[in-house]
Amino acid sequence: MIKKICLLLLLIAISCSKDNIETDVIVDPPIEEPIDPVDPVVVVTPAKKCENGFADGYPCNGYDLLARISLANLDHVSANPSGLSGNDSWGWTDPTTNKEYALMGLNSGISFVDISEPTEPVVLGFLPTSTVNSDWRDVKVYNNHAFVVSEANNHGMQVFDLTKLRTVTNPPQTFTADATYTGFGSAHNIVINQTEGYAYPVGTTRSGTYKGGPLFINIQNPLSPIDEGGFLNYAHDAQVVTYNGPDTEHLGKEILIGSNETEVVIVDISDKGRPIKLSSISYQNVHYTHQGWFTEDFKYFLLGDELDELRAGNKTRTIVFDFTDLDNPKHHVDYITNNAAIDHNGYVKGNLFYQASYTAGVRIVDLSSIDSKNLTEVGYFDTFPASDATSFNGVWNVYPYFESGVIVVSDIERGLFLIKKSE
């Protein structure tokens, strides 16, 4: 009973204080102290099958645990392992060797992990933050290079040549960036359009030229980024695609979908010197328009509002928009689960939606009947077994795009998880 009362008071305090905080960049709420503390010693957990609803004590349905690496093992540089926290994650497949690598963000930097043997992952090394620690760090990959941004002051964009990972012989190593782009200081996130070779930092300073809107950076030569402008409209997160969907008017155009705190904005950014806003759409019960992703046919866009569960008390909700007409987007359906957990980042691969859902772990949702407004959860792996409370603990991100089927999960308190669909 005491635990429940404390948790309730904590959530009320966070909700109230969030409303009253004025910051240069509105970001995800502060990370709380773990409800279920984890010993910060070095831990590499071996593979465990999902049997009778659990894998090594973690609730699961249809997904096995291949390995877990603790935060302390991901950052061998830190002098204070108990002060580490996890955040973003991404992946890289070496085009020469076909080896797969996980990239995981911590408040202190980026860790690089060889997962070519996913039940025996090897931490190859660590790239420390370019300035100071920050709970918010993001990484994406283009042309065998990693691009790292952070909300750390004056961090800029670190560029790291991933082919160096091929020749690591005495891991873990401490890496240095091959280049650092300083055309901006802090950024909440970074988006990359692989087809066009452009990076788009978002959530930069509101006092900048574009007031926190997406910056347009040409990274076709990864080590020599070029500033090509931006879009004047604050964006917390975004997806940028070379459009190949049902709206024939915009075929082949470079389209940015911005999750902009109170609405979703659709912009044609094909001409970097003359971006054109096509449309925008909001929805009922808006609290913080956080992040979203297209279905592979570009017909629908799945959006997460990060604060509706906390402030309105609804269950985990994904808002689905019909984007068959980019100039006239429409609300399609709300997918609402039975969990109280807060949804964070979500990605689509095939007919599956992989949602990082904080205390509820990773949830896997079948989209095959999305046309008829039916979305069905078909699996999960819960890295935060203590509860599914409406709090900012547990899974931050999920990366489901490896050909091997290995899924990378980054957890705030417990580090890196590798999971895979049960055979």
Protein backbone atom coordinates (compact mmCIF):
# COMPACT_ATOMS: atom_id res chain seq x y z
CA MET A 1 0.00 0.00 0.00
CA ILE A 2 2.84 2.41 0.89
CA LYS A 3 4.50 1.68 -2.44
CA LYS A 4 1.29 2.48 -4.33
CA ILE A 5 0.78 5.74 -2.43
CA CYS A 6 4.40 6.81 -3.13
CA LEU A 7 4.03 5.99 -6.82
CA LEU A 8 0.78 8.00 -7.04
CA LEU A 9 2.38 11.04 -5.37
CA LEU A 10 5.39 10.76 -7.70
CA LEU A 11 3.22 10.73 -10.82
CA ILE A 12 1.16 13.70 -9.61
CA ALA A 13 4.34 15.65 -8.88
CA ILE A 14 5.78 14.93 -12.32
CA SER A 15 2.55 15.91 -14.08
CA CYS A 16 2.26 19.17 -12.15
CA SER A 17 5.91 20.13 -12.46
CA LYS A 18 5.98 19.38 -16.19
CA ASP A 19 3.19 21.88 -16.79
CA ASN A 20 5.14 24.61 -15.03
CA ILE A 21 8.59 24.04 -16.51
CA GLU A 22 9.69 26.42 -19.26
CA THR A 23 12.66 25.11 -21.19
CA ASP A 24 14.31 25.99 -24.47
CA VAL A 25 13.42 22.57 -25.88
CA ILE A 26 10.50 20.52 -24.66
CA VAL A 27 11.80 17.00 -24.32
CA ASP A 28 10.68 13.68 -22.92
CA PRO A 29 10.00 13.93 -19.18
CA PRO A 30 12.92 13.42 -16.79
CA ILE A 31 13.93 9.85 -16.15
CA GLU A 32 12.79 8.72 -12.73
CA GLU A 33 14.62 6.61 -10.20
CA PRO A 34 13.89 2.94 -10.98
CA ILE A 35 10.88 1.48 -9.21
CA ASP A 36 12.66 -1.87 -9.45
CA PRO A 37 16.36 -1.01 -8.88
CA VAL A 38 19.02 -2.88 -10.82
CA ASP A 39 22.47 -3.65 -9.45
CA PRO A 40 24.91 -1.71 -11.69
CA VAL A 41 27.54 -4.45 -11.74
CA VAL A 42 28.66 -5.84 -15.09
CA VAL A 43 26.08 -8.36 -16.27
CA VAL A 44 25.75 -10.34 -19.49
CA THR A 45 22.65 -12.50 -19.30
CA PRO A 46 22.66 -15.70 -21.39
CA ALA A 47 19.88 -16.79 -23.75
CA LYS A 48 16.57 -17.95 -22.30
CA LYS A 49 13.56 -19.24 -24.18
CA CYS A 50 10.14 -17.78 -23.54
CA GLU A 51 8.43 -20.60 -21.66
CA ASN A 52 5.21 -20.43 -19.66
CA GLY A 53 5.11 -16.67 -20.15
CA PHE A 54 8.64 -15.88 -18.89
CA ALA A 55 12.24 -15.75 -20.10
CA ASP A 56 14.75 -15.40 -17.26
CA GLY A 57 12.07 -13.72 -15.17
CA TYR A 58 10.94 -11.29 -17.88
CA PRO A 59 7.29 -11.57 -18.97
CA CYS A 60 7.06 -12.57 -22.62
CA ASN A 61 4.80 -13.86 -25.35
CA GLY A 62 6.32 -15.36 -28.47
CA TYR A 63 9.78 -13.76 -28.15
CA ASP A 64 12.93 -15.29 -26.65
CA LEU A 65 15.75 -13.55 -24.82
CA LEU A 66 19.06 -13.99 -26.66
CA ALA A 67 21.19 -11.83 -24.36
CA ARG A 68 21.23 -8.81 -22.08
CA ILE A 69 24.18 -6.50 -21.49
CA SER A 70 24.17 -4.22 -18.47
CA LEU A 71 24.80 -0.48 -18.67
CA ALA A 72 28.10 -0.89 -16.82
CA ASN A 73 29.29 -3.34 -19.44
CA LEU A 74 28.21 -1.05 -22.29
CA ASP A 75 30.26 1.88 -20.96
CA HIS A 76 33.62 0.68 -19.69
CA VAL A 77 34.82 4.30 -19.45
CA SER A 78 32.43 5.51 -16.76
CA ALA A 79 33.82 6.03 -13.27
CA ASN A 80 30.26 5.97 -11.91
CA PRO A 81 28.37 2.95 -13.29
CA SER A 82 25.44 3.54 -10.94
CA GLY A 83 24.88 6.91 -12.62
CA LEU A 84 24.42 5.44 -16.10
CA SER A 85 21.11 5.36 -17.95
CA GLY A 86 20.12 4.05 -21.38
CA ASN A 87 18.26 5.77 -24.18
CA ASP A 88 18.21 5.34 -27.97
CA SER A 89 19.35 2.42 -30.13
CA TRP A 90 19.90 1.63 -33.78
CA GLY A 91 21.69 -0.96 -35.93
CA TRP A 92 24.28 -1.40 -38.66
CA THR A 93 24.89 -4.32 -41.01
CA ASP A 94 28.38 -4.40 -42.47
CA PRO A 95 27.88 -4.65 -46.27
CA THR A 96 31.23 -6.44 -46.65
CA THR A 97 30.97 -9.09 -43.92
CA ASN A 98 27.18 -9.05 -43.30
CA LYS A 99 27.92 -8.89 -39.59
CA GLU A 100 25.28 -7.15 -37.51
CA TYR A 101 26.08 -4.51 -34.89
CA ALA A 102 23.90 -2.87 -32.26
CA LEU A 103 24.43 0.78 -31.41
CA MET A 104 23.09 1.83 -28.02
CA GLY A 105 22.92 5.28 -26.52
CA LEU A 106 23.66 6.02 -22.88
CA ASN A 107 23.65 9.31 -21.03
CA SER A 108 27.44 9.16 -21.36
CA GLY A 109 27.88 8.22 -25.04
CA ILE A 110 27.32 5.45 -27.60
CA SER A 111 28.24 1.77 -27.22
CA PHE A 112 29.01 -0.48 -30.20
CA VAL A 113 28.20 -4.18 -29.89
CA ASP A 114 28.99 -7.04 -32.29
CA ILE A 115 25.84 -9.18 -32.31
CA SER A 116 26.80 -11.48 -35.19
CA GLU A 117 26.60 -14.23 -32.55
CA PRO A 118 23.56 -12.81 -30.76
CA THR A 119 23.72 -15.20 -27.82
CA GLU A 120 27.35 -14.16 -27.26
CA PRO A 121 27.47 -10.42 -28.03
CA VAL A 122 30.77 -8.55 -27.76
CA VAL A 123 31.02 -4.93 -26.66
CA LEU A 124 33.64 -3.60 -29.07
CA GLY A 125 33.95 -0.11 -27.70
CA PHE A 126 32.46 3.17 -26.59
CA LEU A 127 32.27 6.67 -28.06
CA PRO A 128 32.00 9.18 -25.18
CA THR A 129 29.78 12.24 -25.37
CA SER A 130 31.46 15.19 -27.08
CA THR A 131 30.72 17.50 -24.14
CA VAL A 132 28.76 16.50 -21.03
CA ASN A 133 26.34 13.74 -20.10
CA SER A 134 22.68 13.96 -21.08
CA ASP A 135 19.73 11.61 -20.69
CA TRP A 136 18.82 12.32 -24.33
CA ARG A 137 21.05 10.96 -27.08
CA ASP A 138 20.12 9.70 -30.52
CA VAL A 139 21.97 7.82 -33.24
CA LYS A 140 21.22 6.93 -36.87
CA VAL A 141 23.32 5.34 -39.63
CA TYR A 142 24.13 6.28 -43.22
CA ASN A 143 26.80 4.99 -45.61
CA ASN A 144 28.68 3.02 -42.95
CA HIS A 145 28.83 5.97 -40.56
CA ALA A 146 27.00 6.66 -37.32
CA PHE A 147 25.61 10.14 -36.68
CA VAL A 148 25.09 11.04 -33.02
CA VAL A 149 23.27 13.99 -31.48
CA SER A 150 22.37 14.84 -27.90
CA GLU A 151 20.71 17.45 -25.76
CA ALA A 152 24.07 17.94 -24.07
CA ASN A 153 25.17 21.57 -24.39
CA ASN A 154 27.21 22.31 -27.53
CA HIS A 155 27.33 18.63 -28.46
CA GLY A 156 26.89 19.04 -32.20
CA MET A 157 26.73 15.97 -34.45
CA GLN A 158 29.42 13.33 -33.98
CA VAL A 159 30.31 11.25 -37.05
CA PHE A 160 31.89 7.84 -36.54
CA ASP A 161 33.24 5.49 -39.22
CA LEU A 162 31.63 2.14 -38.45
CA THR A 163 34.07 0.17 -40.60
CA LYS A 164 36.57 0.60 -37.74
CA LEU A 165 34.57 -2.05 -35.91
CA ARG A 166 35.90 -4.67 -38.34
CA THR A 167 39.42 -4.47 -36.95
CA VAL A 168 38.87 -4.23 -33.19
CA THR A 169 41.18 -6.86 -31.70
CA ASN A 170 41.25 -6.00 -28.01
CA PRO A 171 37.75 -4.91 -26.97
CA PRO A 172 36.42 -2.82 -25.47
CA GLN A 173 38.12 0.23 -26.95
CA THR A 174 37.51 3.91 -26.33
CA PHE A 175 36.71 5.55 -29.67
CA THR A 176 36.91 9.13 -30.88
CA ALA A 177 34.66 10.75 -33.48
CA ASP A 178 36.02 11.00 -37.02
CA ALA A 179 34.30 14.36 -37.39
CA THR A 180 32.05 16.62 -35.35
CA TYR A 181 29.65 18.98 -37.09
CA THR A 182 29.14 22.13 -35.01
CA GLY A 183 26.54 23.96 -37.09
CA PHE A 184 24.16 23.48 -34.15
CA GLY A 185 24.63 22.75 -30.46
CA SER A 186 22.07 20.43 -28.91
CA ALA A 187 19.37 18.39 -30.63
CA HIS A 188 16.72 16.07 -29.30
CA ASN A 189 16.83 13.65 -32.20
CA ILE A 190 18.20 13.01 -35.66
CA VAL A 191 16.44 11.63 -38.74
CA ILE A 192 18.17 10.32 -41.86
CA ASN A 193 16.73 9.67 -45.32
CA GLN A 194 18.94 6.87 -46.62
CA THR A 195 17.80 7.37 -50.22
CA GLU A 196 18.78 11.03 -50.48
CA GLY A 197 21.75 11.21 -48.09
CA TYR A 198 20.40 13.93 -45.82
CA ALA A 199 20.33 14.17 -42.03
CA TYR A 200 17.66 16.14 -40.19
CA PRO A 201 18.41 17.09 -36.58
CA VAL A 202 15.18 18.03 -34.79
CA GLY A 203 14.40 19.60 -31.44
CA THR A 204 17.32 22.01 -31.62
CA THR A 205 17.26 25.33 -29.78
CA ARG A 206 14.08 27.38 -30.11
CA SER A 207 16.21 30.51 -30.27
CA GLY A 208 17.90 29.31 -33.46
CA THR A 209 17.15 30.34 -37.03
CA TYR A 210 14.49 27.65 -37.47
CA LYS A 211 13.12 27.77 -33.90
CA GLY A 212 13.81 24.09 -33.28
CA GLY A 213 12.55 22.97 -36.67
CA PRO A 214 14.30 20.31 -38.78
CA LEU A 215 17.73 21.28 -40.08
CA PHE A 216 18.72 20.13 -43.57
CA ILE A 217 22.26 18.69 -43.59
CA ASN A 218 23.79 17.07 -46.66
CA ILE A 219 25.79 14.02 -45.47
CA GLN A 220 26.50 12.44 -48.84
CA ASN A 221 30.13 12.87 -47.84
CA PRO A 222 29.71 11.72 -44.23
CA LEU A 223 32.85 13.37 -42.91
CA SER A 224 32.04 16.76 -44.49
CA PRO A 225 28.40 17.63 -43.65
CA ILE A 226 26.96 20.66 -45.44
CA ASP A 227 24.26 22.98 -44.09
CA GLU A 228 21.43 23.39 -46.62
CA GLY A 229 18.81 25.20 -44.55
CA GLY A 230 15.83 24.07 -42.51
CA PHE A 231 12.10 24.34 -41.89
CA LEU A 232 10.65 26.93 -39.54
CA ASN A 233 8.37 24.79 -37.38
CA TYR A 234 9.46 23.10 -34.13
CA ALA A 235 9.64 19.30 -34.44
CA HIS A 236 10.21 16.89 -31.58
CA ASP A 237 10.68 13.93 -33.92
CA ALA A 238 10.17 13.16 -37.59
CA GLN A 239 10.32 10.61 -40.37
CA VAL A 240 11.64 11.56 -43.81
CA VAL A 241 11.01 9.38 -46.85
CA THR A 242 11.32 9.44 -50.60
CA TYR A 243 7.61 9.00 -51.18
CA ASN A 244 6.31 5.95 -53.06
CA GLY A 245 2.71 5.73 -51.91
CA PRO A 246 -0.86 6.06 -53.17
CA ASP A 247 -0.85 9.85 -53.56
CA THR A 248 0.46 10.04 -57.14
CA GLU A 249 0.79 13.83 -57.00
CA HIS A 250 3.78 13.45 -54.69
CA LEU A 251 5.51 10.35 -56.08
CA GLY A 252 9.29 10.62 -55.88
CA LYS A 253 9.16 13.69 -53.63
CA GLU A 254 11.08 13.87 -50.36
CA ILE A 255 8.43 14.11 -47.65
CA LEU A 256 8.96 14.99 -43.99
CA ILE A 257 6.38 13.96 -41.39
CA GLY A 258 6.96 16.02 -38.25
CA SER A 259 5.64 15.11 -34.80
CA ASN A 260 5.39 18.65 -33.53
CA GLU A 261 4.09 18.54 -29.95
CA THR A 262 0.43 19.36 -30.76
CA GLU A 263 0.02 18.16 -34.35
CA VAL A 264 1.50 16.17 -37.22
CA VAL A 265 2.89 18.28 -40.07
CA ILE A 266 3.53 17.04 -43.64
CA VAL A 267 6.16 18.95 -45.63
CA ASP A 268 7.61 18.54 -49.12
CA ILE A 269 11.34 19.16 -48.63
CA SER A 270 12.50 18.08 -52.09
CA ASP A 271 13.79 21.61 -52.71
CA LYS A 272 15.85 22.36 -49.62
CA GLY A 273 15.72 26.07 -50.34
CA ARG A 274 11.94 26.08 -50.64
CA PRO A 275 10.20 23.56 -48.34
CA ILE A 276 6.44 23.44 -48.84
CA LYS A 277 4.00 22.61 -46.07
CA LEU A 278 1.35 20.33 -47.57
CA SER A 279 -0.92 19.89 -44.56
CA SER A 280 -1.19 19.27 -40.85
CA ILE A 281 -3.53 17.30 -38.62
CA SER A 282 -4.24 17.07 -34.92
CA TYR A 283 -6.48 14.71 -32.96
CA GLN A 284 -8.64 14.44 -29.89
CA ASN A 285 -7.09 14.44 -26.43
CA VAL A 286 -3.73 15.92 -27.49
CA HIS A 287 -1.10 16.07 -24.78
CA TYR A 288 2.28 15.63 -26.52
CA THR A 289 2.59 14.61 -30.18
CA HIS A 290 5.77 12.61 -29.86
CA GLN A 291 6.80 10.19 -32.66
CA GLY A 292 5.31 8.26 -35.55
CA TRP A 293 6.04 5.96 -38.49
CA PHE A 294 4.57 5.14 -41.91
CA THR A 295 3.24 1.72 -42.81
CA GLU A 296 5.34 0.25 -45.61
CA ASP A 297 2.70 1.04 -48.25
CA PHE A 298 2.64 4.70 -47.09
CA LYS A 299 -1.13 4.54 -46.56
CA TYR A 300 -1.14 4.98 -42.80
CA PHE A 301 0.89 6.80 -40.16
CA LEU A 302 1.05 5.43 -36.60
CA LEU A 303 1.56 8.11 -33.95
CA GLY A 304 2.32 8.03 -30.24
CA ASP A 305 1.28 10.78 -27.82
CA GLU A 306 3.73 10.47 -24.95
CA LEU A 307 1.78 12.23 -22.22
CA ASP A 308 -1.87 11.22 -22.72
CA GLU A 309 -1.57 8.15 -20.50
CA LEU A 310 -0.03 10.24 -17.74
CA ARG A 311 -2.24 13.32 -17.95
CA ALA A 312 -5.56 11.93 -19.20
CA GLY A 313 -5.37 8.50 -17.58
CA ASN A 314 -6.21 6.53 -20.73
CA LYS A 315 -4.59 3.20 -21.55
CA THR A 316 -1.69 2.99 -24.01
CA ARG A 317 -2.92 4.61 -27.21
CA THR A 318 -1.64 4.70 -30.79
CA ILE A 319 -3.34 7.17 -33.13
CA VAL A 320 -3.59 5.92 -36.72
CA PHE A 321 -3.97 8.42 -39.57
CA ASP A 322 -5.03 7.78 -43.17
CA PHE A 323 -2.32 9.40 -45.32
CA THR A 324 -3.54 8.27 -48.74
CA ASP A 325 -3.91 11.97 -49.59
CA LEU A 326 -0.95 13.89 -48.17
CA ASP A 327 -2.78 17.18 -48.71
CA ASN A 328 -5.80 15.97 -46.76
CA PRO A 329 -4.81 13.54 -43.98
CA LYS A 330 -7.61 12.00 -41.91
CA HIS A 331 -7.95 10.23 -38.58
CA HIS A 332 -8.42 6.49 -39.13
CA VAL A 333 -8.63 4.79 -35.73
CA ASP A 334 -7.22 4.82 -32.20
CA TYR A 335 -5.59 1.57 -31.13
CA ILE A 336 -5.91 1.28 -27.34
CA THR A 337 -4.40 -1.52 -25.28
CA ASN A 338 -5.19 -2.81 -21.80
CA ASN A 339 -1.91 -1.45 -20.38
CA ALA A 340 -1.42 1.77 -18.42
CA ALA A 341 2.15 2.12 -19.74
CA ILE A 342 3.34 5.16 -21.70
CA ASP A 343 4.19 4.57 -25.36
CA HIS A 344 7.49 5.95 -26.66
CA ASN A 345 9.00 5.08 -30.07
CA GLY A 346 7.41 2.78 -32.65
CA TYR A 347 8.57 1.33 -35.99
CA VAL A 348 7.00 -0.72 -38.76
CA LYS A 349 8.54 -3.74 -40.49
CA GLY A 350 6.31 -5.65 -42.87
CA ASN A 351 2.88 -6.01 -41.29
CA LEU A 352 4.19 -5.66 -37.75
CA PHE A 353 4.41 -2.58 -35.55
CA TYR A 354 7.13 -2.70 -32.88
CA GLN A 355 6.32 -0.33 -30.04
CA ALA A 356 8.71 0.65 -27.25
CA SER A 357 6.27 1.06 -24.41
CA TYR A 358 8.37 1.95 -21.35
CA THR A 359 7.26 -0.23 -18.40
CA ALA A 360 5.29 -2.61 -20.67
CA GLY A 361 8.43 -3.42 -22.68
CA VAL A 362 8.26 -4.05 -26.42
CA ARG A 363 4.80 -4.75 -27.83
CA ILE A 364 4.38 -6.31 -31.27
CA VAL A 365 1.17 -5.47 -33.12
CA ASP A 366 -0.22 -7.09 -36.28
CA LEU A 367 -1.23 -4.50 -38.92
CA SER A 368 -2.54 -6.88 -41.57
CA SER A 369 -6.15 -5.76 -40.94
CA ILE A 370 -5.43 -2.06 -40.49
CA ASP A 371 -7.66 -1.19 -43.46
CA SER A 372 -10.64 -2.47 -41.47
CA LYS A 373 -9.37 -0.66 -38.35
CA ASN A 374 -8.31 -3.85 -36.57
CA LEU A 375 -4.89 -3.92 -34.89
CA THR A 376 -3.99 -6.93 -32.77
CA GLU A 377 -1.16 -7.49 -30.33
CA VAL A 378 0.63 -10.73 -31.26
CA GLY A 379 3.64 -10.72 -28.94
CA TYR A 380 5.67 -8.86 -26.34
CA PHE A 381 8.82 -8.87 -24.27
CA ASP A 382 8.62 -6.93 -21.01
CA THR A 383 11.99 -5.72 -19.71
CA PHE A 384 10.42 -4.07 -16.65
CA PRO A 385 8.76 -6.92 -14.75
CA ALA A 386 8.00 -4.88 -11.62
CA SER A 387 4.87 -3.28 -13.10
CA ASP A 388 3.24 -1.68 -16.13
CA ALA A 389 2.91 1.60 -14.26
CA THR A 390 2.44 4.93 -16.03
CA SER A 391 6.04 5.98 -15.52
CA PHE A 392 9.19 6.72 -17.51
CA ASN A 393 11.10 3.51 -16.80
CA GLY A 394 11.90 0.52 -18.98
CA VAL A 395 12.14 0.42 -22.78
CA TRP A 396 13.21 3.57 -24.61
CA ASN A 397 13.63 2.21 -28.13
CA VAL A 398 13.44 -0.86 -30.34
CA TYR A 399 15.28 -1.60 -33.60
CA PRO A 400 13.63 -4.44 -35.59
CA TYR A 401 15.33 -4.17 -39.00
CA PHE A 402 18.09 -6.80 -38.98
CA GLU A 403 17.76 -9.50 -41.65
CA SER A 404 18.57 -12.13 -39.01
CA GLY A 405 15.39 -11.29 -37.11
CA VAL A 406 17.35 -10.22 -34.04
CA ILE A 407 15.63 -7.26 -32.37
CA VAL A 408 17.58 -4.65 -30.42
CA VAL A 409 15.89 -3.22 -27.33
CA SER A 410 17.36 -0.39 -25.28
CA ASP A 411 16.22 -0.12 -21.68
CA ILE A 412 16.77 2.89 -19.42
CA GLU A 413 17.80 0.89 -16.35
CA ARG A 414 18.78 -2.54 -17.65
CA GLY A 415 20.82 -1.81 -20.74
CA LEU A 416 20.74 -3.70 -24.03
CA PHE A 417 18.42 -6.63 -24.74
CA LEU A 418 18.58 -8.86 -27.80
CA ILE A 419 15.36 -10.74 -28.48
CA LYS A 420 13.97 -12.81 -31.34
CA LYS A 421 10.68 -14.37 -32.30
CA SER A 422 10.34 -17.84 -30.81
CA GLU A 423 10.74 -20.72 -33.24
